[in-house]
Amino acid sequence: MAEDAMILVVDDDARLRGLLQRYLAENGFRVSTAESAADARDRLRFLQPDLLVLDVMMPGEDGLSLTESLRREQNDTPVLLLTARGGPEDRIAGFEAGADDYLPKPFDPRELVLRIRAMLRRAPPPQPGPPSGPIQLGALQFDPDRGELRGAAHTVRLTGGEAALLGTLARKPGEVFSREDIAAALNMDEAGERAIDVQVTRLRRKIEADPREPRFLHTVRGRGYVLKPGA
């Protein structure tokens, strides 16, 4: 699990956030980032990370409050807290909030990776959710569990990238996915974010009667893409 686990890094320090994203990716993890607790909540609406790395001292809602809130919501995703305050009382406060581990700043990124791997080994395997059911796209029907797009009497051939993109959007119909979030969900790098636009164009040719006037796969200017099923 640790080899391809999804890590969500939440830190208001853009430099540290970028460094952690690159270092963790170099060590085999899929990584998404958020700059605040509010941003993290948006990510968690459709991403299912295997572990959260949270900065404690963030403007607005801090890492302790976010951790407590997640635990109240029965979200048991492992949480590793990062903070410049590493005294015993600070660590105790972190564990009382529901965190699983605590790493004081400054830290060696190698230790962060080792702690993450140890936490993932301890974490119980995720339980599969109920089948999401087919998504109607006009005369076509997409089965997210099988990754199949079918018409009345035929199967529409999808490439692996097209099926993965459609499956990601179909998990939350009606919700907007940014390119960054799609790239993270599909384990793509920054160049992959630009390739998402190409995949969207190709996918529209297969699910839309007129790709220039899409009914189902919409662009939300400045935000990303949204899938709106319909008969």
Protein backbone atom coordinates (compact mmCIF):
# COMPACT_ATOMS: atom_id res chain seq x y z
CA MET A 1 0.00 0.00 0.00
CA ALA A 2 2.78 2.44 0.88
CA GLU A 3 4.25 2.25 -2.60
CA ASP A 4 1.37 4.09 -4.29
CA ALA A 5 -0.49 5.64 -1.34
CA MET A 6 -2.22 8.99 -1.79
CA ILE A 7 -0.94 11.67 0.62
CA LEU A 8 -2.72 14.99 1.16
CA VAL A 9 -0.29 17.66 2.41
CA VAL A 10 -1.94 20.66 4.09
CA ASP A 11 0.35 23.62 4.86
CA ASP A 12 0.04 27.38 4.35
CA ASP A 13 3.77 27.65 3.53
CA ALA A 14 3.86 27.40 -0.27
CA ARG A 15 7.61 26.69 -0.37
CA LEU A 16 7.42 23.83 2.14
CA ARG A 17 4.29 22.51 0.46
CA GLY A 18 6.07 22.34 -2.89
CA LEU A 19 9.18 20.73 -1.40
CA LEU A 20 7.14 18.04 0.36
CA GLN A 21 5.11 17.36 -2.77
CA ARG A 22 8.24 16.79 -4.85
CA TYR A 23 10.07 14.75 -2.21
CA LEU A 24 7.12 12.47 -1.46
CA ALA A 25 6.46 11.97 -5.18
CA GLU A 26 10.11 11.02 -5.67
CA ASN A 27 9.62 8.38 -2.98
CA GLY A 28 6.71 6.74 -4.79
CA PHE A 29 3.69 8.46 -3.24
CA ARG A 30 0.83 10.13 -5.03
CA VAL A 31 0.50 13.63 -3.60
CA SER A 32 -2.17 16.31 -3.50
CA THR A 33 -1.76 19.60 -1.61
CA ALA A 34 -3.95 22.17 0.12
CA GLU A 35 -3.02 25.60 1.45
CA SER A 36 -5.55 25.76 4.29
CA ALA A 37 -8.05 23.70 6.24
CA ALA A 38 -10.85 25.03 4.05
CA ASP A 39 -8.92 24.02 0.94
CA ALA A 40 -8.34 20.58 2.45
CA ARG A 41 -12.06 20.15 3.06
CA ASP A 42 -12.73 20.88 -0.61
CA ARG A 43 -10.16 18.23 -1.61
CA LEU A 44 -11.66 15.68 0.78
CA ARG A 45 -15.08 15.96 -0.86
CA PHE A 46 -13.82 13.79 -3.72
CA LEU A 47 -10.31 12.61 -2.88
CA GLN A 48 -9.79 9.65 -0.59
CA PRO A 49 -6.21 10.03 0.68
CA ASP A 50 -4.52 7.22 2.55
CA LEU A 51 -2.87 9.69 4.94
CA LEU A 52 -2.98 13.40 5.82
CA VAL A 53 0.10 15.50 6.63
CA LEU A 54 -1.23 18.60 8.44
CA ASP A 55 0.55 21.73 9.59
CA VAL A 56 -0.70 22.68 13.05
CA MET A 57 -0.17 26.44 12.92
CA MET A 58 -2.19 27.66 9.94
CA PRO A 59 -4.21 30.89 9.65
CA GLY A 60 -7.91 30.39 10.28
CA GLU A 61 -8.74 26.82 11.24
CA ASP A 62 -5.54 25.17 12.46
CA GLY A 63 -4.42 21.58 12.09
CA LEU A 64 -5.63 20.54 15.55
CA SER A 65 -9.14 21.83 14.90
CA LEU A 66 -9.25 20.16 11.49
CA THR A 67 -8.13 16.86 12.99
CA GLU A 68 -10.76 17.06 15.74
CA SER A 69 -13.44 17.87 13.16
CA LEU A 70 -12.48 14.93 10.95
CA ARG A 71 -12.65 12.55 13.90
CA ARG A 72 -16.10 13.85 14.88
CA GLU A 73 -17.18 13.13 11.29
CA GLN A 74 -15.98 9.51 11.70
CA ASN A 75 -13.13 10.10 9.24
CA ASP A 76 -10.38 7.76 10.46
CA THR A 77 -7.77 8.62 7.81
CA PRO A 78 -4.33 8.57 9.52
CA VAL A 79 -3.10 12.07 10.42
CA LEU A 80 0.51 13.16 10.90
CA LEU A 81 0.85 16.66 12.39
CA LEU A 82 3.73 19.02 11.61
CA THR A 83 4.53 21.92 13.92
CA ALA A 84 7.30 24.24 15.05
CA ARG A 85 6.11 23.64 18.63
CA GLY A 86 7.31 20.21 19.70
CA GLY A 87 7.06 20.28 23.47
CA PRO A 88 5.38 17.48 25.44
CA GLU A 89 2.17 19.46 25.96
CA ASP A 90 1.96 20.21 22.23
CA ARG A 91 2.38 16.55 21.34
CA ILE A 92 -0.24 15.53 23.89
CA ALA A 93 -2.67 18.11 22.46
CA GLY A 94 -2.10 16.64 19.00
CA PHE A 95 -2.80 13.09 20.12
CA GLU A 96 -5.86 14.19 22.10
CA ALA A 97 -7.18 15.83 18.94
CA GLY A 98 -7.00 12.46 17.21
CA ALA A 99 -3.66 12.61 15.39
CA ASP A 100 -1.72 9.38 14.85
CA ASP A 101 1.79 10.87 14.85
CA TYR A 102 3.55 14.17 15.44
CA LEU A 103 6.73 15.53 13.82
CA PRO A 104 8.33 18.77 15.07
CA LYS A 105 9.82 21.27 12.61
CA PRO A 106 12.48 21.43 11.34
CA PHE A 107 12.64 17.80 10.33
CA ASP A 108 14.60 15.60 7.99
CA PRO A 109 12.31 14.65 5.06
CA ARG A 110 13.71 11.13 5.24
CA GLU A 111 12.21 10.80 8.71
CA LEU A 112 8.87 12.03 7.38
CA VAL A 113 8.88 9.30 4.73
CA LEU A 114 9.76 6.64 7.31
CA ARG A 115 7.00 7.78 9.63
CA ILE A 116 4.46 7.83 6.80
CA ARG A 117 5.39 4.30 5.77
CA ALA A 118 5.15 3.08 9.35
CA MET A 119 1.71 4.69 9.74
CA LEU A 120 0.47 3.13 6.51
CA ARG A 121 1.60 -0.30 7.69
CA ARG A 122 -0.47 0.18 10.85
CA ALA A 123 -3.54 1.52 9.07
CA PRO A 124 -6.38 -0.95 8.41
CA PRO A 125 -7.11 -1.64 4.73
CA PRO A 126 -9.85 0.59 3.30
CA GLN A 127 -13.27 -0.99 3.09
CA PRO A 128 -14.86 -0.88 -0.37
CA GLY A 129 -17.91 1.33 -0.62
CA PRO A 130 -21.22 0.24 -2.08
CA PRO A 131 -21.47 0.02 -5.87
CA SER A 132 -22.15 3.48 -7.26
CA GLY A 133 -24.46 2.23 -10.02
CA PRO A 134 -24.54 3.19 -13.70
CA ILE A 135 -24.43 6.79 -14.90
CA GLN A 136 -26.77 7.73 -17.75
CA LEU A 137 -25.25 9.87 -20.49
CA GLY A 138 -28.02 10.21 -23.05
CA ALA A 139 -28.23 6.96 -25.01
CA LEU A 140 -25.07 5.70 -23.29
CA GLN A 141 -24.57 4.24 -19.83
CA PHE A 142 -21.31 4.28 -17.90
CA ASP A 143 -20.65 1.70 -15.20
CA PRO A 144 -18.01 3.18 -12.83
CA ASP A 145 -17.38 -0.16 -11.15
CA ARG A 146 -16.55 -1.89 -14.43
CA GLY A 147 -15.19 1.13 -16.29
CA GLU A 148 -17.51 0.31 -19.20
CA LEU A 149 -19.40 2.69 -21.48
CA ARG A 150 -22.28 0.96 -23.29
CA GLY A 151 -24.97 1.83 -25.79
CA ALA A 152 -28.15 -0.13 -26.45
CA ALA A 153 -26.37 -2.84 -28.45
CA HIS A 154 -22.66 -2.08 -28.29
CA THR A 155 -19.77 -1.18 -26.03
CA VAL A 156 -17.93 2.09 -26.64
CA ARG A 157 -14.22 1.49 -26.48
CA LEU A 158 -12.44 3.75 -24.00
CA THR A 159 -8.70 4.09 -23.59
CA GLY A 160 -7.32 3.59 -20.09
CA GLY A 161 -6.94 7.34 -19.63
CA GLU A 162 -10.48 8.07 -20.84
CA ALA A 163 -11.99 5.41 -18.57
CA ALA A 164 -10.00 6.68 -15.56
CA LEU A 165 -11.05 10.29 -16.21
CA LEU A 166 -14.72 9.41 -16.65
CA GLY A 167 -14.60 7.17 -13.59
CA THR A 168 -13.11 9.98 -11.48
CA LEU A 169 -15.77 12.49 -12.54
CA ALA A 170 -18.55 9.91 -12.15
CA ARG A 171 -17.71 9.42 -8.47
CA LYS A 172 -19.22 12.83 -7.71
CA PRO A 173 -21.64 13.80 -10.50
CA GLY A 174 -22.46 17.49 -10.43
CA GLU A 175 -19.32 18.48 -8.51
CA VAL A 176 -16.44 20.43 -10.07
CA PHE A 177 -13.03 18.73 -10.23
CA SER A 178 -9.97 20.94 -10.75
CA ARG A 179 -7.23 19.77 -13.09
CA GLU A 180 -4.90 19.44 -10.11
CA ASP A 181 -7.32 17.19 -8.27
CA ILE A 182 -7.94 15.03 -11.34
CA ALA A 183 -4.20 14.72 -11.88
CA ALA A 184 -3.70 13.68 -8.25
CA ALA A 185 -6.52 11.14 -8.43
CA LEU A 186 -5.03 9.65 -11.61
CA ASN A 187 -1.43 9.77 -10.33
CA MET A 188 -0.32 12.26 -12.99
CA ASP A 189 2.36 14.94 -12.65
CA GLU A 190 2.05 18.65 -13.49
CA ALA A 191 2.50 17.92 -17.19
CA GLY A 192 -0.35 15.44 -16.78
CA GLU A 193 -2.64 18.29 -15.71
CA ARG A 194 -2.30 19.78 -19.19
CA ALA A 195 -2.85 16.35 -20.75
CA ILE A 196 -6.21 16.18 -18.96
CA ASP A 197 -7.58 18.77 -21.40
CA VAL A 198 -6.63 16.47 -24.27
CA GLN A 199 -8.35 13.50 -22.59
CA VAL A 200 -11.48 15.61 -22.05
CA THR A 201 -11.58 16.50 -25.75
CA ARG A 202 -11.25 12.85 -26.75
CA LEU A 203 -13.83 11.70 -24.21
CA ARG A 204 -16.36 14.28 -25.43
CA ARG A 205 -16.11 12.84 -28.94
CA LYS A 206 -17.37 9.54 -27.52
CA ILE A 207 -20.10 10.68 -25.13
CA GLU A 208 -21.42 13.88 -26.72
CA ALA A 209 -23.62 14.22 -29.82
CA ASP A 210 -21.90 17.57 -30.46
CA PRO A 211 -18.55 17.87 -28.62
CA ARG A 212 -18.54 21.63 -29.27
CA GLU A 213 -21.80 21.96 -27.29
CA PRO A 214 -21.40 19.36 -24.51
CA ARG A 215 -24.45 18.20 -22.56
CA PHE A 216 -22.67 16.02 -20.03
CA LEU A 217 -18.99 16.92 -19.62
CA HIS A 218 -18.82 20.65 -18.92
CA THR A 219 -15.92 23.06 -18.49
CA VAL A 220 -16.28 25.41 -15.53
CA ARG A 221 -14.11 28.37 -16.43
CA GLY A 222 -11.24 28.91 -14.03
CA ARG A 223 -12.17 25.86 -11.94
CA GLY A 224 -12.10 22.61 -13.91
CA TYR A 225 -14.61 20.04 -15.14
CA VAL A 226 -17.94 18.63 -14.03
CA LEU A 227 -19.97 15.63 -15.20
CA LYS A 228 -23.75 16.16 -15.38
CA PRO A 229 -25.53 12.92 -16.24
CA GLY A 230 -28.90 12.91 -17.96
CA ALA A 231 -31.17 10.96 -20.26
